[in-house]
């Protein structure tokens, strides 16, 4: 949880106020009809997808999921135009998604495959630098980038058939690769 200090000035006195900054979490305003989001916006279960509440605006971002229960699941990036009620994602031009079998899909076409398939209990890390999306399993780089991602994108997660994913946007299980930071919510100064 991040805090910012606000200096306020009025005619009677000056004071400093501590204000909590919004944090990145699963967005209950952009989720499928049968999705359940719990654990303060950090666990997705049910059926369907959810976007994060912030796009990736910075140059290099990192986030993680922990696969709590297997089933059908996917993680990746998407525009806000993705159908959040239809699984699996990666079936149209709105989402770039790694599926539970280790394959990544875009426009209903397999674009690559990880050398290892993520298992229940694994921590899957993702880095994005506006050129490629890379994956890490339990801190180990998979060296299988997903390229061709365009536009304003948000982290996206989908579950079905009993899958449960925990999402980490900060306080990671593994150290983020050098130069990559947690996703930041853009703030205006006024």
Protein backbone atom coordinates (compact mmCIF):
# COMPACT_ATOMS: atom_id res chain seq x y z
CA UNK A 1 0.00 0.00 0.00
CA UNK A 2 1.47 3.35 -1.02
CA UNK A 3 1.00 6.66 0.70
CA UNK A 4 1.67 10.20 -0.42
CA UNK A 5 2.11 13.24 1.77
CA UNK A 6 -0.04 16.21 0.84
CA UNK A 7 0.89 19.63 2.10
CA UNK A 8 -2.24 21.69 2.62
CA UNK A 9 -2.27 25.42 3.18
CA UNK A 10 -5.09 27.49 4.54
CA UNK A 11 -5.24 30.86 6.22
CA UNK A 12 -5.36 29.48 9.77
CA UNK A 13 -2.48 26.98 9.58
CA UNK A 14 -0.36 24.72 7.41
CA UNK A 15 -0.55 20.96 7.85
CA UNK A 16 0.64 17.74 6.29
CA UNK A 17 -1.87 15.07 5.48
CA UNK A 18 -1.14 11.44 4.66
CA UNK A 19 -3.28 10.16 1.79
CA UNK A 20 -3.47 6.54 0.60
CA UNK A 21 -2.81 6.05 -3.11
CA UNK A 22 -5.07 3.66 -4.98
CA UNK A 23 -3.59 0.22 -5.52
CA UNK A 24 -3.70 -2.06 -8.53
CA UNK A 25 -6.13 -4.97 -8.14
CA UNK A 26 -8.74 -6.91 -10.07
CA UNK A 27 -11.43 -4.57 -11.42
CA UNK A 28 -14.98 -5.47 -10.35
CA UNK A 29 -16.21 -2.99 -12.99
CA UNK A 30 -14.50 -5.00 -15.78
CA UNK A 31 -15.22 -8.65 -15.00
CA UNK A 32 -17.41 -11.41 -16.38
CA UNK A 33 -20.93 -12.01 -15.04
CA UNK A 34 -19.96 -15.30 -13.31
CA UNK A 35 -16.58 -14.21 -11.96
CA UNK A 36 -16.01 -14.04 -8.21
CA UNK A 37 -13.30 -11.68 -6.92
CA UNK A 38 -12.25 -12.03 -3.28
CA UNK A 39 -9.23 -11.38 -1.06
CA UNK A 40 -9.48 -7.60 -1.49
CA UNK A 41 -9.30 -7.80 -5.29
CA UNK A 42 -6.47 -10.33 -5.48
CA UNK A 43 -8.19 -13.70 -6.08
CA UNK A 44 -10.28 -14.68 -9.10
CA UNK A 45 -12.53 -17.74 -9.23
CA UNK A 46 -15.82 -18.72 -10.84
CA UNK A 47 -16.13 -18.56 -14.62
CA UNK A 48 -14.96 -15.73 -16.85
CA UNK A 49 -12.33 -13.00 -16.86
CA UNK A 50 -11.33 -9.82 -15.11
CA UNK A 51 -9.06 -6.97 -16.05
CA UNK A 52 -6.77 -5.16 -13.63
CA UNK A 53 -8.00 -1.68 -12.67
CA UNK A 54 -5.01 0.03 -14.34
CA UNK A 55 -3.43 -0.17 -17.79
CA UNK A 56 0.29 -0.69 -18.18
CA UNK A 57 1.45 2.86 -18.87
CA UNK A 58 5.05 2.67 -17.63
CA UNK A 59 7.92 1.38 -19.76
CA UNK A 60 8.55 -1.86 -17.86
CA UNK A 61 6.00 -3.60 -15.62
CA UNK A 62 5.93 -6.84 -13.64
CA UNK A 63 3.12 -8.80 -11.98
CA UNK A 64 2.56 -12.37 -10.76
CA UNK A 65 -0.09 -15.02 -10.28
CA UNK A 66 -0.08 -18.03 -7.99
CA UNK A 67 -2.00 -20.99 -9.38
CA UNK A 68 -4.06 -21.98 -6.34
CA UNK A 69 -6.24 -24.57 -8.11
CA UNK A 70 -5.90 -25.94 -11.61
CA UNK A 71 -8.68 -26.09 -14.14
CA UNK A 72 -8.95 -23.85 -17.18
CA UNK A 73 -7.16 -20.54 -16.70
CA UNK A 74 -5.26 -17.88 -18.58
CA UNK A 75 -3.24 -14.76 -17.94
CA UNK A 76 -1.90 -12.04 -20.21
CA UNK A 77 -2.82 -8.65 -21.59
CA UNK A 78 -5.99 -7.29 -23.14
CA UNK A 79 -7.79 -4.21 -24.31
CA UNK A 80 -11.01 -3.22 -22.57
CA UNK A 81 -12.94 -4.57 -25.56
CA UNK A 82 -12.31 -8.25 -24.69
CA UNK A 83 -15.38 -10.42 -24.01
CA UNK A 84 -14.98 -11.10 -20.27
CA UNK A 85 -17.73 -13.76 -20.27
CA UNK A 86 -16.18 -16.05 -22.88
CA UNK A 87 -13.33 -18.44 -22.11
CA UNK A 88 -10.71 -19.22 -23.16
CA UNK A 89 -9.34 -15.80 -24.00
CA UNK A 90 -6.89 -15.28 -26.82
CA UNK A 91 -9.63 -16.18 -29.30
CA UNK A 92 -9.91 -12.67 -30.79
CA UNK A 93 -7.81 -9.59 -31.56
CA UNK A 94 -8.41 -8.07 -28.10
CA UNK A 95 -6.32 -10.40 -25.88
CA UNK A 96 -2.86 -11.98 -25.80
CA UNK A 97 -3.08 -14.85 -23.32
CA UNK A 98 -1.02 -17.70 -21.88
CA UNK A 99 -3.33 -20.68 -21.26
CA UNK A 100 -2.99 -23.42 -18.64
CA UNK A 101 -1.31 -25.81 -21.12
CA UNK A 102 1.63 -23.40 -21.60
CA UNK A 103 0.51 -22.15 -25.04
CA UNK A 104 -0.02 -18.50 -25.83
CA UNK A 105 -2.87 -17.44 -28.05
CA UNK A 106 -3.91 -14.38 -30.03
CA UNK A 107 -6.76 -14.20 -32.55
CA UNK A 108 -7.52 -17.90 -31.91
CA UNK A 109 -4.07 -18.88 -33.13
CA UNK A 110 -1.30 -20.48 -31.07
CA UNK A 111 1.65 -18.07 -31.19
CA UNK A 112 4.09 -20.03 -29.05
CA UNK A 113 4.56 -22.37 -26.13
CA UNK A 114 6.51 -22.30 -22.88
CA UNK A 115 9.21 -24.95 -22.45
CA UNK A 116 7.51 -25.93 -19.14
CA UNK A 117 3.81 -26.11 -18.28
CA UNK A 118 2.83 -24.21 -15.10
CA UNK A 119 1.43 -26.47 -12.35
CA UNK A 120 -0.79 -25.97 -9.30
CA UNK A 121 1.17 -24.06 -6.66
CA UNK A 122 3.52 -22.43 -9.18
CA UNK A 123 4.19 -18.71 -9.25
CA UNK A 124 3.95 -17.31 -12.77
CA UNK A 125 5.66 -13.94 -13.27
CA UNK A 126 5.01 -11.69 -16.25
CA UNK A 127 7.06 -8.79 -17.57
CA UNK A 128 5.89 -6.35 -20.24
CA UNK A 129 7.95 -3.61 -21.88
CA UNK A 130 5.60 -2.54 -24.73
CA UNK A 131 7.64 -4.75 -27.08
CA UNK A 132 7.21 -8.21 -25.59
CA UNK A 133 5.49 -10.12 -22.81
CA UNK A 134 7.79 -12.57 -21.02
CA UNK A 135 7.03 -15.33 -18.54
CA UNK A 136 8.80 -16.75 -15.48
CA UNK A 137 7.87 -19.91 -13.57
CA UNK A 138 8.94 -19.82 -9.92
CA UNK A 139 11.45 -17.08 -10.77
CA UNK A 140 13.00 -18.97 -13.72
CA UNK A 141 12.84 -17.17 -17.10
CA UNK A 142 11.03 -19.17 -19.78
CA UNK A 143 12.78 -17.29 -22.64
CA UNK A 144 9.66 -17.55 -24.80
CA UNK A 145 8.46 -14.00 -25.49
CA UNK A 146 5.01 -13.10 -26.77
CA UNK A 147 5.30 -10.22 -29.28
CA UNK A 148 2.99 -8.11 -31.44
CA UNK A 149 0.96 -6.63 -28.58
CA UNK A 150 -0.51 -3.24 -29.51
CA UNK A 151 -2.55 -0.47 -27.93
CA UNK A 152 -3.49 0.35 -24.37
CA UNK A 153 -3.48 -2.96 -22.52
CA UNK A 154 -4.45 -4.19 -19.07
CA UNK A 155 -3.43 -7.36 -17.27
CA UNK A 156 -6.21 -9.92 -17.76
CA UNK A 157 -6.97 -13.17 -15.96
CA UNK A 158 -9.58 -15.83 -16.69
CA UNK A 159 -10.73 -18.94 -14.86
CA UNK A 160 -13.10 -21.84 -15.53
CA UNK A 161 -13.59 -25.47 -14.45
CA UNK A 162 -12.56 -24.85 -10.83
CA UNK A 163 -9.40 -22.81 -11.45
CA UNK A 164 -8.42 -20.27 -8.79
CA UNK A 165 -5.70 -17.66 -9.32
CA UNK A 166 -4.17 -15.27 -6.79
CA UNK A 167 -2.86 -12.08 -8.37
CA UNK A 168 0.11 -10.10 -7.03
CA UNK A 169 0.66 -6.54 -8.22
CA UNK A 170 3.15 -5.76 -5.41
CA UNK A 171 4.92 -7.64 -2.57
CA UNK A 172 6.00 -10.31 -5.02
CA UNK A 173 6.94 -13.90 -4.28
CA UNK A 174 10.01 -13.51 -6.51
CA UNK A 175 12.19 -10.48 -7.17
CA UNK A 176 11.12 -8.62 -10.30
CA UNK A 177 13.73 -8.75 -13.09
CA UNK A 178 16.11 -5.79 -13.22
CA UNK A 179 14.44 -2.60 -14.47
CA UNK A 180 10.88 -3.93 -14.03
CA UNK A 181 8.55 -2.42 -11.41
CA UNK A 182 5.04 -3.03 -10.10
CA UNK A 183 2.27 -1.56 -12.26
CA UNK A 184 1.67 2.05 -11.31
CA UNK A 185 -1.64 3.88 -11.36
CA UNK A 186 -1.25 7.21 -13.14
CA UNK A 187 -1.98 10.11 -10.81
CA UNK A 188 -2.88 13.66 -11.61
CA UNK A 189 -1.49 16.37 -9.35
CA UNK A 190 -4.80 18.13 -8.78
